[in-house]
């Protein structure tokens, strides 16, 4: 199940067997999908950590904003006890629990994949492989893993050819 790449030569004048920019992008994104699938468990663990951190921040922010938004008289605000987070409505958070910011997504991608892809600027390519201002990491992983023929039992990790091709295409496409 490893991705194979047709070789291309940028300096070939005729460029008959070379790849178009679209073909380079398709190959590169397929290779990214393979790497993501091969590292799914580690990525999911890191994304989950980032999502929990974000959720705690949002709950804390809501706790303070409900006491400070003016809906409570000043005399009550002065004596208000902190609101337990379990008292907050859970229904509003359910769809948001698996979401992270692009910055957190890029940090997690770099943290997990840095050994295999040390020079990828994940934040610069986020809009291409995980678009949005907020990223549902479970949907992202499911989509990336569905784009690949990755089989955990056959994987030995990323080979040098795949890594070099990703980096060569990454530079051509995104720099």
N, C-alpha and C. Protein backbone atom coordinates (compact mmCIF):
# COMPACT_ATOMS: atom_id res chain seq x y z
N UNK A 1 0.68 -1.21 0.00
CA UNK A 1 0.00 0.00 0.00
C UNK A 1 0.73 1.29 0.00
N UNK A 2 2.01 1.39 -0.31
CA UNK A 2 2.66 2.69 -0.34
C UNK A 2 2.34 3.44 -1.62
N UNK A 3 2.31 4.76 -1.52
CA UNK A 3 2.07 5.61 -2.68
C UNK A 3 3.31 5.59 -3.56
N UNK A 4 3.11 5.51 -4.86
CA UNK A 4 4.25 5.62 -5.77
C UNK A 4 4.07 6.90 -6.56
N UNK A 5 5.17 7.50 -6.92
CA UNK A 5 5.14 8.76 -7.64
C UNK A 5 5.82 8.59 -8.98
N UNK A 6 5.20 9.15 -10.01
CA UNK A 6 5.89 9.22 -11.30
C UNK A 6 6.96 10.28 -11.14
N UNK A 7 8.12 10.02 -11.67
CA UNK A 7 9.18 11.01 -11.54
C UNK A 7 8.94 12.12 -12.56
N UNK A 8 9.39 13.27 -12.22
CA UNK A 8 9.28 14.39 -13.15
C UNK A 8 10.58 15.15 -13.13
N UNK A 9 10.82 15.83 -14.22
CA UNK A 9 12.06 16.57 -14.36
C UNK A 9 11.71 17.99 -14.77
N UNK A 10 11.92 18.92 -13.85
CA UNK A 10 11.56 20.32 -14.10
C UNK A 10 12.35 20.90 -15.27
N UNK A 11 13.59 20.43 -15.50
CA UNK A 11 14.42 21.03 -16.52
C UNK A 11 14.20 20.41 -17.90
N UNK A 12 13.39 19.38 -18.00
CA UNK A 12 13.12 18.74 -19.28
C UNK A 12 12.33 19.71 -20.16
N UNK A 13 12.92 20.10 -21.27
CA UNK A 13 12.29 21.08 -22.14
C UNK A 13 10.94 20.64 -22.66
N UNK A 14 10.82 19.39 -23.09
CA UNK A 14 9.55 18.93 -23.64
C UNK A 14 8.55 18.64 -22.53
N UNK A 15 9.04 18.15 -21.40
CA UNK A 15 8.20 17.86 -20.24
C UNK A 15 7.06 16.91 -20.59
N UNK A 16 7.30 15.99 -21.54
CA UNK A 16 6.26 15.04 -21.96
C UNK A 16 5.84 14.14 -20.80
N UNK A 17 6.83 13.68 -20.04
CA UNK A 17 6.52 12.74 -18.97
C UNK A 17 6.47 13.44 -17.61
N UNK A 18 6.59 14.73 -17.63
CA UNK A 18 6.55 15.48 -16.38
C UNK A 18 5.13 15.60 -15.88
N UNK A 19 5.02 16.01 -14.63
CA UNK A 19 3.71 16.17 -14.01
C UNK A 19 3.28 17.63 -14.05
N UNK A 20 2.01 17.84 -14.25
CA UNK A 20 1.46 19.19 -14.16
C UNK A 20 1.40 19.58 -12.69
N UNK A 21 1.18 20.84 -12.43
CA UNK A 21 1.06 21.30 -11.05
C UNK A 21 -0.08 20.56 -10.35
N UNK A 22 -1.20 20.36 -11.03
CA UNK A 22 -2.33 19.64 -10.44
C UNK A 22 -1.94 18.20 -10.09
N UNK A 23 -1.20 17.55 -10.98
CA UNK A 23 -0.76 16.18 -10.71
C UNK A 23 0.21 16.15 -9.52
N UNK A 24 1.10 17.14 -9.45
CA UNK A 24 2.01 17.22 -8.30
C UNK A 24 1.22 17.37 -7.01
N UNK A 25 0.23 18.26 -7.05
CA UNK A 25 -0.59 18.46 -5.86
C UNK A 25 -1.32 17.18 -5.47
N UNK A 26 -1.91 16.50 -6.46
CA UNK A 26 -2.62 15.26 -6.16
C UNK A 26 -1.70 14.22 -5.54
N UNK A 27 -0.51 14.07 -6.11
CA UNK A 27 0.46 13.12 -5.55
C UNK A 27 0.89 13.53 -4.15
N UNK A 28 1.13 14.81 -3.95
CA UNK A 28 1.57 15.29 -2.65
C UNK A 28 0.49 15.07 -1.60
N UNK A 29 -0.76 15.40 -1.93
CA UNK A 29 -1.84 15.22 -0.96
C UNK A 29 -2.10 13.75 -0.67
N UNK A 30 -1.93 12.91 -1.66
CA UNK A 30 -2.07 11.47 -1.45
C UNK A 30 -0.97 10.99 -0.51
N UNK A 31 0.25 11.49 -0.70
CA UNK A 31 1.36 11.12 0.18
C UNK A 31 1.12 11.64 1.60
N UNK A 32 0.61 12.87 1.73
CA UNK A 32 0.26 13.38 3.06
C UNK A 32 -0.77 12.48 3.71
N UNK A 33 -1.78 12.05 2.96
CA UNK A 33 -2.83 11.17 3.49
C UNK A 33 -2.22 9.87 3.99
N UNK A 34 -1.25 9.33 3.25
CA UNK A 34 -0.58 8.09 3.66
C UNK A 34 0.16 8.29 4.99
N UNK A 35 0.88 9.40 5.11
CA UNK A 35 1.64 9.68 6.32
C UNK A 35 0.68 9.90 7.49
N UNK A 36 -0.40 10.63 7.26
CA UNK A 36 -1.39 10.88 8.31
C UNK A 36 -2.02 9.57 8.76
N UNK A 37 -2.38 8.71 7.80
CA UNK A 37 -2.99 7.41 8.15
C UNK A 37 -2.00 6.56 8.94
N UNK A 38 -0.74 6.57 8.54
CA UNK A 38 0.26 5.77 9.23
C UNK A 38 0.49 6.26 10.66
N UNK A 39 0.18 7.52 10.92
CA UNK A 39 0.40 8.12 12.25
C UNK A 39 -0.92 8.50 12.93
N UNK A 40 -2.01 7.89 12.50
CA UNK A 40 -3.33 8.28 12.98
C UNK A 40 -3.45 8.24 14.51
N UNK A 41 -3.02 7.16 15.13
CA UNK A 41 -3.18 7.03 16.58
C UNK A 41 -2.47 8.15 17.34
N UNK A 42 -1.24 8.42 16.95
CA UNK A 42 -0.48 9.49 17.62
C UNK A 42 -1.09 10.85 17.35
N UNK A 43 -1.55 11.08 16.11
CA UNK A 43 -2.20 12.36 15.79
C UNK A 43 -3.49 12.51 16.58
N UNK A 44 -4.29 11.46 16.63
CA UNK A 44 -5.56 11.54 17.35
C UNK A 44 -5.33 11.87 18.83
N UNK A 45 -4.31 11.26 19.42
CA UNK A 45 -4.00 11.53 20.82
C UNK A 45 -3.60 12.99 21.02
N UNK A 46 -2.78 13.52 20.12
CA UNK A 46 -2.35 14.91 20.24
C UNK A 46 -3.50 15.88 19.96
N UNK A 47 -4.32 15.58 18.95
CA UNK A 47 -5.48 16.43 18.64
C UNK A 47 -6.45 16.43 19.82
N UNK A 48 -6.66 15.28 20.43
CA UNK A 48 -7.57 15.17 21.57
C UNK A 48 -7.09 16.04 22.72
N UNK A 49 -5.79 16.00 22.96
CA UNK A 49 -5.20 16.85 24.00
C UNK A 49 -5.48 18.32 23.70
N UNK A 50 -5.24 18.74 22.45
CA UNK A 50 -5.46 20.14 22.05
C UNK A 50 -6.94 20.51 22.18
N UNK A 51 -7.83 19.60 21.79
CA UNK A 51 -9.27 19.87 21.87
C UNK A 51 -9.74 20.00 23.32
N UNK A 52 -9.21 19.15 24.19
CA UNK A 52 -9.58 19.24 25.61
C UNK A 52 -9.10 20.56 26.21
N UNK A 53 -7.89 20.95 25.84
CA UNK A 53 -7.34 22.22 26.32
C UNK A 53 -8.23 23.39 25.86
N UNK A 54 -8.63 23.35 24.60
CA UNK A 54 -9.50 24.40 24.04
C UNK A 54 -10.86 24.41 24.75
N UNK A 55 -11.41 23.23 25.00
CA UNK A 55 -12.72 23.13 25.66
C UNK A 55 -12.66 23.67 27.08
N UNK A 56 -11.58 23.35 27.80
CA UNK A 56 -11.43 23.89 29.17
C UNK A 56 -11.37 25.41 29.15
N UNK A 57 -10.62 25.97 28.20
CA UNK A 57 -10.52 27.43 28.09
C UNK A 57 -11.88 28.05 27.81
N UNK A 58 -12.63 27.44 26.90
CA UNK A 58 -13.95 27.97 26.54
C UNK A 58 -14.91 27.90 27.72
N UNK A 59 -14.88 26.81 28.49
CA UNK A 59 -15.75 26.68 29.67
C UNK A 59 -15.39 27.74 30.69
N UNK A 60 -14.10 27.93 30.91
CA UNK A 60 -13.65 28.93 31.87
C UNK A 60 -14.08 30.32 31.43
N UNK A 61 -13.93 30.62 30.14
CA UNK A 61 -14.34 31.90 29.60
C UNK A 61 -15.84 32.13 29.80
N UNK A 62 -16.63 31.09 29.53
CA UNK A 62 -18.09 31.21 29.71
C UNK A 62 -18.45 31.43 31.17
N UNK A 63 -17.73 30.77 32.08
CA UNK A 63 -17.99 30.92 33.51
C UNK A 63 -17.78 32.36 33.93
N UNK A 64 -16.67 32.95 33.49
CA UNK A 64 -16.38 34.34 33.86
C UNK A 64 -17.29 35.32 33.14
N UNK A 65 -17.59 35.06 31.87
CA UNK A 65 -18.42 36.01 31.13
C UNK A 65 -19.85 36.03 31.65
N UNK A 66 -20.36 34.92 32.17
CA UNK A 66 -21.73 34.93 32.69
C UNK A 66 -21.81 35.75 33.97
N UNK A 67 -20.72 35.82 34.71
CA UNK A 67 -20.70 36.63 35.94
C UNK A 67 -20.40 38.09 35.64
N UNK A 68 -19.83 38.38 34.47
CA UNK A 68 -19.41 39.74 34.18
C UNK A 68 -20.19 40.41 33.05
N UNK A 69 -21.16 39.74 32.47
CA UNK A 69 -21.82 40.29 31.28
C UNK A 69 -22.92 41.30 31.61
N UNK A 70 -23.08 41.63 32.90
CA UNK A 70 -24.07 42.62 33.25
C UNK A 70 -25.44 42.04 33.51
N UNK A 71 -25.63 40.75 33.29
CA UNK A 71 -26.93 40.15 33.53
C UNK A 71 -27.16 39.93 35.02
N UNK A 72 -26.12 40.10 35.80
CA UNK A 72 -26.22 39.92 37.24
C UNK A 72 -25.93 41.27 37.90
N UNK A 73 -26.75 41.70 38.84
CA UNK A 73 -26.47 42.97 39.54
C UNK A 73 -25.09 42.95 40.19
N UNK A 74 -24.49 44.14 40.29
CA UNK A 74 -23.13 44.25 40.83
C UNK A 74 -23.04 43.63 42.22
N UNK A 75 -24.03 43.86 43.05
CA UNK A 75 -23.98 43.32 44.41
C UNK A 75 -23.92 41.79 44.38
N UNK A 76 -24.63 41.16 43.45
CA UNK A 76 -24.57 39.70 43.34
C UNK A 76 -23.24 39.24 42.74
N UNK A 77 -22.73 40.02 41.77
CA UNK A 77 -21.46 39.65 41.14
C UNK A 77 -20.33 39.65 42.15
N UNK A 78 -20.37 40.61 43.07
CA UNK A 78 -19.32 40.72 44.08
C UNK A 78 -19.31 39.48 44.99
N UNK A 79 -20.50 38.94 45.24
CA UNK A 79 -20.60 37.79 46.15
C UNK A 79 -20.82 36.47 45.41
N UNK A 80 -20.74 36.50 44.10
CA UNK A 80 -21.04 35.29 43.31
C UNK A 80 -19.99 34.23 43.53
N UNK A 81 -20.48 33.02 43.66
CA UNK A 81 -19.58 31.88 43.77
C UNK A 81 -19.26 31.41 42.36
N UNK A 82 -18.08 30.86 42.16
CA UNK A 82 -17.76 30.34 40.83
C UNK A 82 -18.78 29.29 40.40
N UNK A 83 -19.11 29.31 39.13
CA UNK A 83 -20.07 28.35 38.59
C UNK A 83 -19.32 27.08 38.25
N UNK A 84 -19.83 25.95 38.72
CA UNK A 84 -19.20 24.68 38.38
C UNK A 84 -19.41 24.41 36.89
N UNK A 85 -18.37 23.94 36.24
CA UNK A 85 -18.49 23.73 34.79
C UNK A 85 -19.53 22.68 34.46
N UNK A 86 -19.80 21.75 35.38
CA UNK A 86 -20.81 20.72 35.11
C UNK A 86 -22.21 21.33 35.07
N UNK A 87 -22.38 22.54 35.63
CA UNK A 87 -23.68 23.20 35.61
C UNK A 87 -23.96 23.86 34.26
N UNK A 88 -22.94 23.97 33.43
CA UNK A 88 -23.12 24.61 32.12
C UNK A 88 -23.82 23.64 31.17
N UNK A 89 -24.62 24.17 30.27
CA UNK A 89 -25.32 23.28 29.34
C UNK A 89 -24.33 22.53 28.45
N UNK A 90 -24.45 21.22 28.41
CA UNK A 90 -23.53 20.39 27.66
C UNK A 90 -23.92 20.36 26.19
N UNK A 91 -25.17 20.51 25.87
CA UNK A 91 -25.65 20.39 24.49
C UNK A 91 -24.95 21.36 23.55
N UNK A 92 -24.59 22.55 24.03
CA UNK A 92 -23.95 23.54 23.18
C UNK A 92 -22.51 23.15 22.85
N UNK A 93 -21.92 22.26 23.68
CA UNK A 93 -20.52 21.92 23.50
C UNK A 93 -20.31 20.66 22.66
N UNK A 94 -21.31 19.81 22.56
CA UNK A 94 -21.12 18.48 21.99
C UNK A 94 -20.42 18.49 20.63
N UNK A 95 -20.92 19.26 19.67
CA UNK A 95 -20.33 19.28 18.34
C UNK A 95 -18.96 19.95 18.33
N UNK A 96 -18.68 20.74 19.32
CA UNK A 96 -17.45 21.52 19.38
C UNK A 96 -16.31 20.78 20.07
N UNK A 97 -16.61 19.68 20.75
CA UNK A 97 -15.59 18.99 21.54
C UNK A 97 -14.44 18.43 20.72
N UNK A 98 -14.69 18.13 19.47
CA UNK A 98 -13.65 17.54 18.62
C UNK A 98 -12.98 18.58 17.74
N UNK A 99 -13.10 19.85 18.11
CA UNK A 99 -12.59 20.93 17.27
C UNK A 99 -11.35 21.59 17.87
N UNK A 100 -10.46 22.00 16.97
CA UNK A 100 -9.25 22.70 17.36
C UNK A 100 -9.00 23.85 16.39
N UNK A 101 -8.16 24.77 16.80
CA UNK A 101 -7.82 25.91 15.94
C UNK A 101 -6.77 25.46 14.91
N UNK A 102 -6.64 26.20 13.81
CA UNK A 102 -5.58 25.87 12.85
C UNK A 102 -4.18 25.87 13.48
N UNK A 103 -3.95 26.78 14.42
CA UNK A 103 -2.64 26.84 15.08
C UNK A 103 -2.39 25.57 15.89
N UNK A 104 -3.41 25.11 16.61
CA UNK A 104 -3.28 23.87 17.38
C UNK A 104 -3.12 22.66 16.46
N UNK A 105 -3.86 22.68 15.35
CA UNK A 105 -3.75 21.60 14.36
C UNK A 105 -2.31 21.53 13.83
N UNK A 106 -1.76 22.70 13.46
CA UNK A 106 -0.40 22.75 12.93
C UNK A 106 0.62 22.31 13.98
N UNK A 107 0.42 22.74 15.23
CA UNK A 107 1.33 22.33 16.31
C UNK A 107 1.31 20.81 16.49
N UNK A 108 0.12 20.22 16.46
CA UNK A 108 -0.01 18.78 16.63
C UNK A 108 0.61 18.03 15.45
N UNK A 109 0.36 18.51 14.24
CA UNK A 109 0.93 17.88 13.05
C UNK A 109 2.46 17.92 13.13
N UNK A 110 3.00 19.06 13.50
CA UNK A 110 4.45 19.21 13.61
C UNK A 110 5.01 18.32 14.72
N UNK A 111 4.34 18.30 15.85
CA UNK A 111 4.81 17.51 17.00
C UNK A 111 4.88 16.02 16.64
N UNK A 112 3.85 15.51 15.98
CA UNK A 112 3.78 14.08 15.66
C UNK A 112 4.62 13.72 14.44
N UNK A 113 4.61 14.57 13.42
CA UNK A 113 5.23 14.21 12.14
C UNK A 113 6.60 14.83 11.90
N UNK A 114 7.11 15.57 12.86
CA UNK A 114 8.37 16.28 12.67
C UNK A 114 9.54 15.36 12.32
N UNK A 115 9.58 14.16 12.90
CA UNK A 115 10.69 13.24 12.61
C UNK A 115 10.67 12.81 11.14
N UNK A 116 9.47 12.61 10.60
CA UNK A 116 9.35 12.15 9.21
C UNK A 116 9.34 13.30 8.21
N UNK A 117 8.72 14.41 8.60
CA UNK A 117 8.60 15.57 7.70
C UNK A 117 9.01 16.84 8.45
N UNK A 118 10.31 17.02 8.69
CA UNK A 118 10.74 18.12 9.54
C UNK A 118 10.59 19.52 8.95
N UNK A 119 10.51 19.63 7.64
CA UNK A 119 10.52 20.96 7.03
C UNK A 119 9.17 21.42 6.51
N UNK A 120 8.10 20.73 6.88
CA UNK A 120 6.78 21.12 6.40
C UNK A 120 6.23 22.23 7.29
N UNK A 121 5.79 23.31 6.67
CA UNK A 121 5.12 24.40 7.39
C UNK A 121 3.63 24.06 7.38
N UNK A 122 3.17 23.34 8.41
CA UNK A 122 1.80 22.83 8.44
C UNK A 122 0.76 23.94 8.42
N UNK A 123 1.06 25.05 9.07
CA UNK A 123 0.09 26.14 9.09
C UNK A 123 -0.13 26.71 7.69
N UNK A 124 0.94 26.74 6.87
CA UNK A 124 0.79 27.29 5.51
C UNK A 124 -0.02 26.37 4.59
N UNK A 125 -0.05 25.07 4.89
CA UNK A 125 -0.82 24.17 4.03
C UNK A 125 -2.14 23.73 4.65
N UNK A 126 -2.41 24.21 5.85
CA UNK A 126 -3.65 23.84 6.55
C UNK A 126 -4.88 24.12 5.69
N UNK A 127 -4.90 25.25 5.01
CA UNK A 127 -6.09 25.61 4.22
C UNK A 127 -6.34 24.65 3.06
N UNK A 128 -5.32 23.89 2.67
CA UNK A 128 -5.47 22.93 1.58
C UNK A 128 -5.93 21.55 2.06
N UNK A 129 -5.45 21.12 3.24
CA UNK A 129 -5.80 19.77 3.67
C UNK A 129 -6.71 19.71 4.88
N UNK A 130 -6.90 20.83 5.56
CA UNK A 130 -7.83 20.89 6.70
C UNK A 130 -8.42 22.30 6.77
N UNK A 131 -9.16 22.71 5.72
CA UNK A 131 -9.63 24.09 5.65
C UNK A 131 -10.62 24.45 6.76
N UNK A 132 -10.59 25.71 7.13
CA UNK A 132 -11.54 26.23 8.10
C UNK A 132 -10.85 26.98 9.22
N UNK A 133 -11.65 27.80 9.89
CA UNK A 133 -11.14 28.56 11.03
C UNK A 133 -11.11 27.70 12.28
N UNK A 134 -11.95 26.66 12.28
CA UNK A 134 -11.98 25.66 13.34
C UNK A 134 -11.98 24.31 12.64
N UNK A 135 -11.16 23.38 13.11
CA UNK A 135 -11.01 22.09 12.46
C UNK A 135 -11.55 20.98 13.35
N UNK A 136 -12.50 20.21 12.83
CA UNK A 136 -12.96 19.02 13.53
C UNK A 136 -11.94 17.93 13.24
N UNK A 137 -11.13 17.61 14.23
CA UNK A 137 -10.01 16.71 13.98
C UNK A 137 -10.45 15.29 13.65
N UNK A 138 -11.57 14.85 14.18
CA UNK A 138 -12.04 13.49 13.87
C UNK A 138 -12.46 13.40 12.40
N UNK A 139 -13.17 14.43 11.92
CA UNK A 139 -13.55 14.45 10.50
C UNK A 139 -12.30 14.50 9.62
N UNK A 140 -11.33 15.33 10.03
CA UNK A 140 -10.08 15.45 9.27
C UNK A 140 -9.39 14.09 9.17
N UNK A 141 -9.23 13.39 10.30
CA UNK A 141 -8.55 12.10 10.28
C UNK A 141 -9.33 11.07 9.47
N UNK A 142 -10.65 11.06 9.63
CA UNK A 142 -11.47 10.12 8.86
C UNK A 142 -11.33 10.37 7.36
N UNK A 143 -11.35 11.63 6.97
CA UNK A 143 -11.22 11.97 5.56
C UNK A 143 -9.85 11.57 5.03
N UNK A 144 -8.80 11.95 5.72
CA UNK A 144 -7.45 11.64 5.25
C UNK A 144 -7.22 10.13 5.18
N UNK A 145 -7.73 9.41 6.16
CA UNK A 145 -7.53 7.95 6.16
C UNK A 145 -8.39 7.27 5.11
N UNK A 146 -9.47 7.89 4.70
CA UNK A 146 -10.31 7.30 3.63
C UNK A 146 -9.69 7.54 2.26
N UNK A 147 -8.75 8.47 2.15
CA UNK A 147 -8.11 8.80 0.88
C UNK A 147 -6.92 7.89 0.60
N UNK A 148 -6.67 6.96 1.47
CA UNK A 148 -5.45 6.17 1.36
C UNK A 148 -5.73 4.68 1.35
N UNK A 149 -4.79 3.95 0.84
CA UNK A 149 -4.88 2.50 0.86
C UNK A 149 -4.05 1.95 2.01
N UNK A 150 -3.73 2.82 2.96
CA UNK A 150 -2.87 2.45 4.08
C UNK A 150 -3.42 1.24 4.82
N UNK A 151 -2.54 0.30 5.13
CA UNK A 151 -2.89 -0.88 5.89
C UNK A 151 -1.84 -1.00 6.99
N UNK A 152 -2.28 -0.85 8.23
CA UNK A 152 -1.34 -0.83 9.36
C UNK A 152 -0.49 -2.09 9.43
N UNK A 153 -1.02 -3.22 9.02
CA UNK A 153 -0.26 -4.46 9.11
C UNK A 153 0.87 -4.51 8.10
N UNK A 154 0.79 -3.71 7.03
CA UNK A 154 1.82 -3.74 6.00
C UNK A 154 2.82 -2.59 6.13
N UNK A 155 2.52 -1.63 6.97
CA UNK A 155 3.33 -0.43 7.02
C UNK A 155 4.63 -0.64 7.79
N UNK A 156 5.68 -0.09 7.26
CA UNK A 156 6.95 -0.04 7.97
C UNK A 156 7.36 1.42 8.15
N UNK A 157 6.41 2.31 8.01
CA UNK A 157 6.69 3.74 8.12
C UNK A 157 6.91 4.34 6.74
N UNK A 158 7.37 5.56 6.71
CA UNK A 158 7.57 6.26 5.45
C UNK A 158 8.98 5.97 4.94
N UNK A 159 9.07 5.61 3.67
CA UNK A 159 10.40 5.37 3.12
C UNK A 159 11.01 6.69 2.64
N UNK A 160 12.30 6.67 2.38
CA UNK A 160 13.00 7.89 1.98
C UNK A 160 12.49 8.46 0.67
N UNK A 161 12.10 7.59 -0.25
CA UNK A 161 11.59 8.05 -1.53
C UNK A 161 10.31 8.86 -1.35
N UNK A 162 9.40 8.34 -0.50
CA UNK A 162 8.15 9.07 -0.25
C UNK A 162 8.43 10.41 0.43
N UNK A 163 9.32 10.40 1.43
CA UNK A 163 9.65 11.63 2.15
C UNK A 163 10.26 12.66 1.20
N UNK A 164 11.21 12.23 0.36
CA UNK A 164 11.85 13.15 -0.58
C UNK A 164 10.85 13.71 -1.58
N UNK A 165 9.94 12.88 -2.05
CA UNK A 165 8.94 13.33 -3.01
C UNK A 165 8.00 14.35 -2.39
N UNK A 166 7.57 14.07 -1.17
CA UNK A 166 6.70 15.03 -0.47
C UNK A 166 7.42 16.37 -0.34
N UNK A 167 8.66 16.33 0.09
CA UNK A 167 9.38 17.58 0.31
C UNK A 167 9.64 18.31 -1.00
N UNK A 168 9.95 17.58 -2.05
CA UNK A 168 10.18 18.20 -3.36
C UNK A 168 8.89 18.85 -3.87
N UNK A 169 7.79 18.13 -3.79
CA UNK A 169 6.51 18.67 -4.24
C UNK A 169 6.03 19.78 -3.33
N UNK A 170 6.23 19.63 -2.03
CA UNK A 170 5.81 20.65 -1.06
C UNK A 170 6.47 21.99 -1.39
N UNK A 171 7.76 21.95 -1.68
CA UNK A 171 8.47 23.19 -2.00
C UNK A 171 7.96 23.79 -3.30
N UNK A 172 7.69 22.95 -4.28
CA UNK A 172 7.21 23.45 -5.58
C UNK A 172 5.82 24.06 -5.48
N UNK A 173 5.01 23.48 -4.62
CA UNK A 173 3.61 23.91 -4.55
C UNK A 173 3.40 25.07 -3.60
N UNK A 174 4.03 25.03 -2.42
CA UNK A 174 3.67 25.95 -1.36
C UNK A 174 4.67 27.05 -1.06
N UNK A 175 5.83 27.00 -1.63
CA UNK A 175 6.82 28.04 -1.29
C UNK A 175 6.79 29.17 -2.29
